[in-house]
């Protein structure tokens, strides 16, 4: 059953595109909060590098159950819309 949930989560992430490779995100998990830069978005998991340089693998189905903040979104918007 978890394969089905992972597939549906991957489908949602690929088509809704809430974040992309290179974005720094904060996953709001009370037991294991993560702040890391996205390195790869796979079919079943997301690979990220945290500020300590550790590789963090996070399953897509868990990713959709947690609150996520895109940390560097505002700075990217400012740099894209400059005169």
PDB file of N, CA and C in Angstrom:
ATOM      1  N   UNK A   1       0.814  -1.196   0.000  1.00  0.00           N
ATOM      2  CA  UNK A   1       0.000   0.000   0.000  1.00  0.00           C
ATOM      3  C   UNK A   1       0.860   1.263   0.000  1.00  0.00           C
ATOM      4  N   UNK A   2       2.024   1.223   0.675  1.00  0.00           N
ATOM      5  CA  UNK A   2       2.875   2.411   0.720  1.00  0.00           C
ATOM      6  C   UNK A   2       3.411   2.764  -0.664  1.00  0.00           C
ATOM      7  N   UNK A   3       3.536   1.747  -1.547  1.00  0.00           N
ATOM      8  CA  UNK A   3       3.991   2.020  -2.908  1.00  0.00           C
ATOM      9  C   UNK A   3       2.959   2.877  -3.633  1.00  0.00           C
ATOM     10  N   UNK A   4       1.694   2.591  -3.421  1.00  0.00           N
ATOM     11  CA  UNK A   4       0.630   3.376  -4.034  1.00  0.00           C
ATOM     12  C   UNK A   4       0.674   4.815  -3.540  1.00  0.00           C
ATOM     13  N   UNK A   5       0.818   5.010  -2.229  1.00  0.00           N
ATOM     14  CA  UNK A   5       0.892   6.361  -1.669  1.00  0.00           C
ATOM     15  C   UNK A   5       2.124   7.113  -2.185  1.00  0.00           C
ATOM     16  N   UNK A   6       3.237   6.418  -2.311  1.00  0.00           N
ATOM     17  CA  UNK A   6       4.449   7.043  -2.840  1.00  0.00           C
ATOM     18  C   UNK A   6       4.252   7.458  -4.292  1.00  0.00           C
ATOM     19  N   UNK A   7       3.597   6.603  -5.069  1.00  0.00           N
ATOM     20  CA  UNK A   7       3.338   6.918  -6.468  1.00  0.00           C
ATOM     21  C   UNK A   7       2.425   8.128  -6.599  1.00  0.00           C
ATOM     22  N   UNK A   8       1.353   8.165  -5.826  1.00  0.00           N
ATOM     23  CA  UNK A   8       0.424   9.298  -5.861  1.00  0.00           C
ATOM     24  C   UNK A   8       1.129  10.581  -5.412  1.00  0.00           C
ATOM     25  N   UNK A   9       1.961  10.488  -4.382  1.00  0.00           N
ATOM     26  CA  UNK A   9       2.717  11.647  -3.911  1.00  0.00           C
ATOM     27  C   UNK A   9       3.669  12.152  -4.980  1.00  0.00           C
ATOM     28  N   UNK A  10       4.351  11.249  -5.642  1.00  0.00           N
ATOM     29  CA  UNK A  10       5.271  11.636  -6.714  1.00  0.00           C
ATOM     30  C   UNK A  10       4.527  12.306  -7.854  1.00  0.00           C
ATOM     31  N   UNK A  11       3.385  11.751  -8.218  1.00  0.00           N
ATOM     32  CA  UNK A  11       2.554  12.319  -9.274  1.00  0.00           C
ATOM     33  C   UNK A  11       2.158  13.752  -8.907  1.00  0.00           C
ATOM     34  N   UNK A  12       1.738  13.952  -7.669  1.00  0.00           N
ATOM     35  CA  UNK A  12       1.343  15.283  -7.208  1.00  0.00           C
ATOM     36  C   UNK A  12       2.521  16.250  -7.242  1.00  0.00           C
ATOM     37  N   UNK A  13       3.691  15.824  -6.759  1.00  0.00           N
ATOM     38  CA  UNK A  13       4.863  16.702  -6.727  1.00  0.00           C
ATOM     39  C   UNK A  13       5.332  17.080  -8.130  1.00  0.00           C
ATOM     40  N   UNK A  14       5.294  16.136  -9.065  1.00  0.00           N
ATOM     41  CA  UNK A  14       5.758  16.426 -10.413  1.00  0.00           C
ATOM     42  C   UNK A  14       4.840  17.400 -11.140  1.00  0.00           C
ATOM     43  N   UNK A  15       3.532  17.331 -10.894  1.00  0.00           N
ATOM     44  CA  UNK A  15       2.612  18.170 -11.632  1.00  0.00           C
ATOM     45  C   UNK A  15       2.228  19.465 -10.921  1.00  0.00           C
ATOM     46  N   UNK A  16       2.316  19.502  -9.603  1.00  0.00           N
ATOM     47  CA  UNK A  16       2.002  20.752  -8.907  1.00  0.00           C
ATOM     48  C   UNK A  16       3.233  21.631  -8.783  1.00  0.00           C
ATOM     49  N   UNK A  17       4.418  21.015  -8.748  1.00  0.00           N
ATOM     50  CA  UNK A  17       5.702  21.710  -8.755  1.00  0.00           C
ATOM     51  C   UNK A  17       5.794  22.780  -7.669  1.00  0.00           C
ATOM     52  N   UNK A  18       5.593  22.405  -6.381  1.00  0.00           N
ATOM     53  CA  UNK A  18       5.630  23.407  -5.315  1.00  0.00           C
ATOM     54  C   UNK A  18       7.035  23.926  -5.014  1.00  0.00           C
ATOM     55  N   UNK A  19       8.061  23.181  -5.364  1.00  0.00           N
ATOM     56  CA  UNK A  19       9.448  23.597  -5.168  1.00  0.00           C
ATOM     57  C   UNK A  19      10.288  22.910  -6.232  1.00  0.00           C
ATOM     58  N   UNK A  20      11.534  23.372  -6.372  1.00  0.00           N
ATOM     59  CA  UNK A  20      12.380  22.810  -7.418  1.00  0.00           C
ATOM     60  C   UNK A  20      13.783  22.556  -6.886  1.00  0.00           C
ATOM     61  N   UNK A  21      14.595  21.899  -7.679  1.00  0.00           N
ATOM     62  CA  UNK A  21      15.976  21.615  -7.309  1.00  0.00           C
ATOM     63  C   UNK A  21      16.705  22.938  -7.087  1.00  0.00           C
ATOM     64  N   UNK A  22      17.424  23.009  -5.977  1.00  0.00           N
ATOM     65  CA  UNK A  22      18.144  24.232  -5.619  1.00  0.00           C
ATOM     66  C   UNK A  22      17.438  25.056  -4.561  1.00  0.00           C
ATOM     67  N   UNK A  23      16.129  24.827  -4.362  1.00  0.00           N
ATOM     68  CA  UNK A  23      15.400  25.533  -3.306  1.00  0.00           C
ATOM     69  C   UNK A  23      15.827  25.007  -1.942  1.00  0.00           C
ATOM     70  N   UNK A  24      15.892  25.905  -0.973  1.00  0.00           N
ATOM     71  CA  UNK A  24      16.122  25.508   0.412  1.00  0.00           C
ATOM     72  C   UNK A  24      14.769  25.460   1.098  1.00  0.00           C
ATOM     73  N   UNK A  25      14.442  24.313   1.688  1.00  0.00           N
ATOM     74  CA  UNK A  25      13.138  24.146   2.323  1.00  0.00           C
ATOM     75  C   UNK A  25      13.303  23.790   3.794  1.00  0.00           C
ATOM     76  N   UNK A  26      12.263  24.080   4.536  1.00  0.00           N
ATOM     77  CA  UNK A  26      12.173  23.697   5.949  1.00  0.00           C
ATOM     78  C   UNK A  26      10.966  22.778   6.076  1.00  0.00           C
ATOM     79  N   UNK A  27      11.203  21.531   6.466  1.00  0.00           N
ATOM     80  CA  UNK A  27      10.125  20.580   6.692  1.00  0.00           C
ATOM     81  C   UNK A  27       9.784  20.648   8.174  1.00  0.00           C
ATOM     82  N   UNK A  28       8.557  21.027   8.479  1.00  0.00           N
ATOM     83  CA  UNK A  28       8.113  21.222   9.858  1.00  0.00           C
ATOM     84  C   UNK A  28       7.636  19.891  10.445  1.00  0.00           C
ATOM     85  N   UNK A  29       8.583  19.144  10.948  1.00  0.00           N
ATOM     86  CA  UNK A  29       8.314  17.865  11.598  1.00  0.00           C
ATOM     87  C   UNK A  29       8.768  17.997  13.051  1.00  0.00           C
ATOM     88  N   UNK A  30       7.863  17.767  14.013  1.00  0.00           N
ATOM     89  CA  UNK A  30       8.216  17.990  15.417  1.00  0.00           C
ATOM     90  C   UNK A  30       9.293  17.041  15.914  1.00  0.00           C
ATOM     91  N   UNK A  31       9.378  15.837  15.343  1.00  0.00           N
ATOM     92  CA  UNK A  31      10.381  14.872  15.774  1.00  0.00           C
ATOM     93  C   UNK A  31      11.716  15.019  15.038  1.00  0.00           C
ATOM     94  N   UNK A  32      11.668  15.388  13.759  1.00  0.00           N
ATOM     95  CA  UNK A  32      12.881  15.480  12.953  1.00  0.00           C
ATOM     96  C   UNK A  32      12.755  16.630  11.963  1.00  0.00           C
ATOM     97  N   UNK A  33      12.855  17.875  12.437  1.00  0.00           N
ATOM     98  CA  UNK A  33      12.768  19.005  11.505  1.00  0.00           C
ATOM     99  C   UNK A  33      13.982  19.030  10.578  1.00  0.00           C
ATOM    100  N   UNK A  34      13.742  19.399   9.329  1.00  0.00           N
ATOM    101  CA  UNK A  34      14.805  19.401   8.325  1.00  0.00           C
ATOM    102  C   UNK A  34      14.856  20.758   7.646  1.00  0.00           C
ATOM    103  N   UNK A  35      16.055  21.334   7.561  1.00  0.00           N
ATOM    104  CA  UNK A  35      16.306  22.510   6.736  1.00  0.00           C
ATOM    105  C   UNK A  35      17.432  22.114   5.801  1.00  0.00           C
ATOM    106  N   UNK A  36      17.134  22.062   4.494  1.00  0.00           N
ATOM    107  CA  UNK A  36      18.123  21.562   3.542  1.00  0.00           C
ATOM    108  C   UNK A  36      17.822  22.070   2.138  1.00  0.00           C
ATOM    109  N   UNK A  37      18.831  21.985   1.294  1.00  0.00           N
ATOM    110  CA  UNK A  37      18.691  22.363  -0.114  1.00  0.00           C
ATOM    111  C   UNK A  37      18.379  21.116  -0.933  1.00  0.00           C
ATOM    112  N   UNK A  38      17.385  21.216  -1.802  1.00  0.00           N
ATOM    113  CA  UNK A  38      16.965  20.083  -2.622  1.00  0.00           C
ATOM    114  C   UNK A  38      18.012  19.820  -3.699  1.00  0.00           C
ATOM    115  N   UNK A  39      18.488  18.591  -3.751  1.00  0.00           N
ATOM    116  CA  UNK A  39      19.471  18.165  -4.751  1.00  0.00           C
ATOM    117  C   UNK A  39      18.811  17.393  -5.891  1.00  0.00           C
ATOM    118  N   UNK A  40      17.799  16.572  -5.555  1.00  0.00           N
ATOM    119  CA  UNK A  40      17.153  15.747  -6.565  1.00  0.00           C
ATOM    120  C   UNK A  40      15.737  15.425  -6.112  1.00  0.00           C
ATOM    121  N   UNK A  41      14.824  15.389  -7.060  1.00  0.00           N
ATOM    122  CA  UNK A  41      13.445  14.990  -6.789  1.00  0.00           C
ATOM    123  C   UNK A  41      13.202  13.710  -7.570  1.00  0.00           C
ATOM    124  N   UNK A  42      13.110  12.598  -6.849  1.00  0.00           N
ATOM    125  CA  UNK A  42      12.942  11.300  -7.474  1.00  0.00           C
ATOM    126  C   UNK A  42      11.497  10.840  -7.461  1.00  0.00           C
ATOM    127  N   UNK A  43      11.276   9.633  -7.958  1.00  0.00           N
ATOM    128  CA  UNK A  43       9.926   9.076  -8.029  1.00  0.00           C
ATOM    129  C   UNK A  43       9.362   8.753  -6.660  1.00  0.00           C
ATOM    130  N   UNK A  44      10.222   8.379  -5.701  1.00  0.00           N
ATOM    131  CA  UNK A  44       9.738   7.978  -4.393  1.00  0.00           C
ATOM    132  C   UNK A  44      10.302   8.803  -3.246  1.00  0.00           C
ATOM    133  N   UNK A  45      11.314   9.614  -3.498  1.00  0.00           N
ATOM    134  CA  UNK A  45      11.937  10.387  -2.419  1.00  0.00           C
ATOM    135  C   UNK A  45      12.603  11.652  -2.959  1.00  0.00           C
ATOM    136  N   UNK A  46      12.922  12.547  -2.043  1.00  0.00           N
ATOM    137  CA  UNK A  46      13.654  13.771  -2.357  1.00  0.00           C
ATOM    138  C   UNK A  46      15.008  13.688  -1.659  1.00  0.00           C
ATOM    139  N   UNK A  47      16.073  13.994  -2.390  1.00  0.00           N
ATOM    140  CA  UNK A  47      17.422  14.043  -1.825  1.00  0.00           C
ATOM    141  C   UNK A  47      17.765  15.491  -1.530  1.00  0.00           C
ATOM    142  N   UNK A  48      18.264  15.736  -0.312  1.00  0.00           N
ATOM    143  CA  UNK A  48      18.604  17.092   0.101  1.00  0.00           C
ATOM    144  C   UNK A  48      19.949  17.080   0.816  1.00  0.00           C
ATOM    145  N   UNK A  49      20.598  18.230   0.843  1.00  0.00           N
ATOM    146  CA  UNK A  49      21.838  18.408   1.594  1.00  0.00           C
ATOM    147  C   UNK A  49      21.573  19.463   2.663  1.00  0.00           C
ATOM    148  N   UNK A  50      21.808  19.107   3.942  1.00  0.00           N
ATOM    149  CA  UNK A  50      21.605  20.086   5.013  1.00  0.00           C
ATOM    150  C   UNK A  50      22.860  20.934   5.190  1.00  0.00           C
ATOM    151  N   UNK A  51      22.819  21.906   6.106  1.00  0.00           N
ATOM    152  CA  UNK A  51      23.955  22.817   6.243  1.00  0.00           C
ATOM    153  C   UNK A  51      25.191  22.158   6.839  1.00  0.00           C
ATOM    154  N   UNK A  52      25.042  20.974   7.430  1.00  0.00           N
ATOM    155  CA  UNK A  52      26.193  20.215   7.915  1.00  0.00           C
ATOM    156  C   UNK A  52      26.827  19.379   6.805  1.00  0.00           C
ATOM    157  N   UNK A  53      26.230  19.404   5.614  1.00  0.00           N
ATOM    158  CA  UNK A  53      26.748  18.645   4.486  1.00  0.00           C
ATOM    159  C   UNK A  53      26.257  17.215   4.416  1.00  0.00           C
ATOM    160  N   UNK A  54      25.293  16.867   5.263  1.00  0.00           N
ATOM    161  CA  UNK A  54      24.759  15.508   5.284  1.00  0.00           C
ATOM    162  C   UNK A  54      23.683  15.349   4.209  1.00  0.00           C
ATOM    163  N   UNK A  55      23.657  14.172   3.593  1.00  0.00           N
ATOM    164  CA  UNK A  55      22.631  13.838   2.627  1.00  0.00           C
ATOM    165  C   UNK A  55      21.384  13.389   3.379  1.00  0.00           C
ATOM    166  N   UNK A  56      20.260  14.026   3.105  1.00  0.00           N
ATOM    167  CA  UNK A  56      18.991  13.690   3.745  1.00  0.00           C
ATOM    168  C   UNK A  56      18.054  13.159   2.661  1.00  0.00           C
ATOM    169  N   UNK A  57      17.558  11.965   2.865  1.00  0.00           N
ATOM    170  CA  UNK A  57      16.599  11.348   1.943  1.00  0.00           C
ATOM    171  C   UNK A  57      15.238  11.388   2.633  1.00  0.00           C
ATOM    172  N   UNK A  58      14.246  11.992   1.975  1.00  0.00           N
ATOM    173  CA  UNK A  58      12.926  12.135   2.590  1.00  0.00           C
ATOM    174  C   UNK A  58      11.878  11.566   1.641  1.00  0.00           C
ATOM    175  N   UNK A  59      11.071  10.609   2.081  1.00  0.00           N
ATOM    176  CA  UNK A  59      10.051  10.003   1.213  1.00  0.00           C
ATOM    177  C   UNK A  59       8.985  11.025   0.803  1.00  0.00           C
ATOM    178  N   UNK A  60       8.558  10.934  -0.440  1.00  0.00           N
ATOM    179  CA  UNK A  60       7.556  11.870  -0.963  1.00  0.00           C
ATOM    180  C   UNK A  60       6.241  11.794  -0.207  1.00  0.00           C
ATOM    181  N   UNK A  61       5.818  10.582   0.181  1.00  0.00           N
ATOM    182  CA  UNK A  61       4.531  10.475   0.868  1.00  0.00           C
ATOM    183  C   UNK A  61       4.571  11.160   2.231  1.00  0.00           C
ATOM    184  N   UNK A  62       5.708  11.141   2.923  1.00  0.00           N
ATOM    185  CA  UNK A  62       5.821  11.872   4.192  1.00  0.00           C
ATOM    186  C   UNK A  62       5.934  13.369   3.960  1.00  0.00           C
ATOM    187  N   UNK A  63       6.555  13.737   2.861  1.00  0.00           N
ATOM    188  CA  UNK A  63       6.735  15.154   2.538  1.00  0.00           C
ATOM    189  C   UNK A  63       5.393  15.865   2.385  1.00  0.00           C
ATOM    190  N   UNK A  64       4.426  15.186   1.804  1.00  0.00           N
ATOM    191  CA  UNK A  64       3.113  15.799   1.599  1.00  0.00           C
ATOM    192  C   UNK A  64       2.283  15.855   2.874  1.00  0.00           C
ATOM    193  N   UNK A  65       2.688  15.132   3.907  1.00  0.00           N
ATOM    194  CA  UNK A  65       1.961  15.139   5.174  1.00  0.00           C
ATOM    195  C   UNK A  65       2.460  16.224   6.121  1.00  0.00           C
ATOM    196  N   UNK A  66       3.598  16.830   5.816  1.00  0.00           N
ATOM    197  CA  UNK A  66       4.223  17.827   6.697  1.00  0.00           C
ATOM    198  C   UNK A  66       4.062  19.222   6.097  1.00  0.00           C
ATOM    199  N   UNK A  67       4.144  20.215   6.972  1.00  0.00           N
ATOM    200  CA  UNK A  67       4.188  21.591   6.493  1.00  0.00           C
ATOM    201  C   UNK A  67       5.574  21.894   5.951  1.00  0.00           C
ATOM    202  N   UNK A  68       5.626  22.625   4.858  1.00  0.00           N
ATOM    203  CA  UNK A  68       6.909  22.942   4.222  1.00  0.00           C
ATOM    204  C   UNK A  68       6.974  24.440   3.970  1.00  0.00           C
ATOM    205  N   UNK A  69       8.121  25.035   4.309  1.00  0.00           N
ATOM    206  CA  UNK A  69       8.390  26.432   3.978  1.00  0.00           C
ATOM    207  C   UNK A  69       9.541  26.469   2.990  1.00  0.00           C
ATOM    208  N   UNK A  70       9.387  27.277   1.946  1.00  0.00           N
ATOM    209  CA  UNK A  70      10.492  27.491   1.019  1.00  0.00           C
ATOM    210  C   UNK A  70      11.231  28.715   1.530  1.00  0.00           C
ATOM    211  N   UNK A  71      12.442  28.517   2.014  1.00  0.00           N
ATOM    212  CA  UNK A  71      13.173  29.560   2.712  1.00  0.00           C
ATOM    213  C   UNK A  71      13.682  30.643   1.776  1.00  0.00           C
ATOM    214  N   UNK A  72      14.215  30.272   0.627  1.00  0.00           N
ATOM    215  CA  UNK A  72      14.837  31.252  -0.242  1.00  0.00           C
ATOM    216  C   UNK A  72      13.930  31.731  -1.367  1.00  0.00           C
ATOM    217  N   UNK A  73      12.641  31.597  -1.231  1.00  0.00           N
ATOM    218  CA  UNK A  73      11.714  31.999  -2.278  1.00  0.00           C
ATOM    219  C   UNK A  73      11.743  33.502  -2.503  1.00  0.00           C
ATOM    220  N   UNK A  74      11.718  34.296  -1.433  1.00  0.00           N
ATOM    221  CA  UNK A  74      11.655  35.752  -1.563  1.00  0.00           C
ATOM    222  C   UNK A  74      12.901  36.305  -2.230  1.00  0.00           C
ATOM    223  N   UNK A  75      14.068  35.798  -1.858  1.00  0.00           N
ATOM    224  CA  UNK A  75      15.293  36.290  -2.468  1.00  0.00           C
ATOM    225  C   UNK A  75      15.360  35.953  -3.949  1.00  0.00           C
ATOM    226  N   UNK A  76      14.806  34.808  -4.345  1.00  0.00           N
ATOM    227  CA  UNK A  76      14.782  34.453  -5.762  1.00  0.00           C
ATOM    228  C   UNK A  76      13.807  35.349  -6.519  1.00  0.00           C
ATOM    229  N   UNK A  77      12.675  35.678  -5.904  1.00  0.00           N
ATOM    230  CA  UNK A  77      11.730  36.555  -6.564  1.00  0.00           C
ATOM    231  C   UNK A  77      12.306  37.945  -6.766  1.00  0.00           C
ATOM    232  N   UNK A  78      13.021  38.442  -5.765  1.00  0.00           N
ATOM    233  CA  UNK A  78      13.638  39.759  -5.891  1.00  0.00           C
ATOM    234  C   UNK A  78      14.668  39.787  -6.998  1.00  0.00           C
ATOM    235  N   UNK A  79      15.460  38.750  -7.138  1.00  0.00           N
ATOM    236  CA  UNK A  79      16.501  38.742  -8.161  1.00  0.00           C
ATOM    237  C   UNK A  79      15.931  38.560  -9.557  1.00  0.00           C
ATOM    238  N   UNK A  80      14.770  37.920  -9.684  1.00  0.00           N
ATOM    239  CA  UNK A  80      14.181  37.719 -10.998  1.00  0.00           C
ATOM    240  C   UNK A  80      13.478  38.963 -11.511  1.00  0.00           C
ATOM    241  N   UNK A  81      12.989  39.817 -10.641  1.00  0.00           N
ATOM    242  CA  UNK A  81      12.200  40.967 -11.070  1.00  0.00           C
ATOM    243  C   UNK A  81      12.902  42.289 -10.805  1.00  0.00           C
ATOM    244  N   UNK A  82      14.171  42.349 -11.107  1.00  0.00           N
ATOM    245  CA  UNK A  82      14.900  43.602 -10.953  1.00  0.00           C
ATOM    246  C   UNK A  82      14.919  44.365 -12.255  1.00  0.00           C
ATOM    247  N   UNK A  83      15.034  45.661 -12.160  1.00  0.00           N
ATOM    248  CA  UNK A  83      15.082  46.502 -13.384  1.00  0.00           C
ATOM    249  C   UNK A  83      16.467  46.583 -13.929  1.00  0.00           C
TER     250      UNK A  83
END
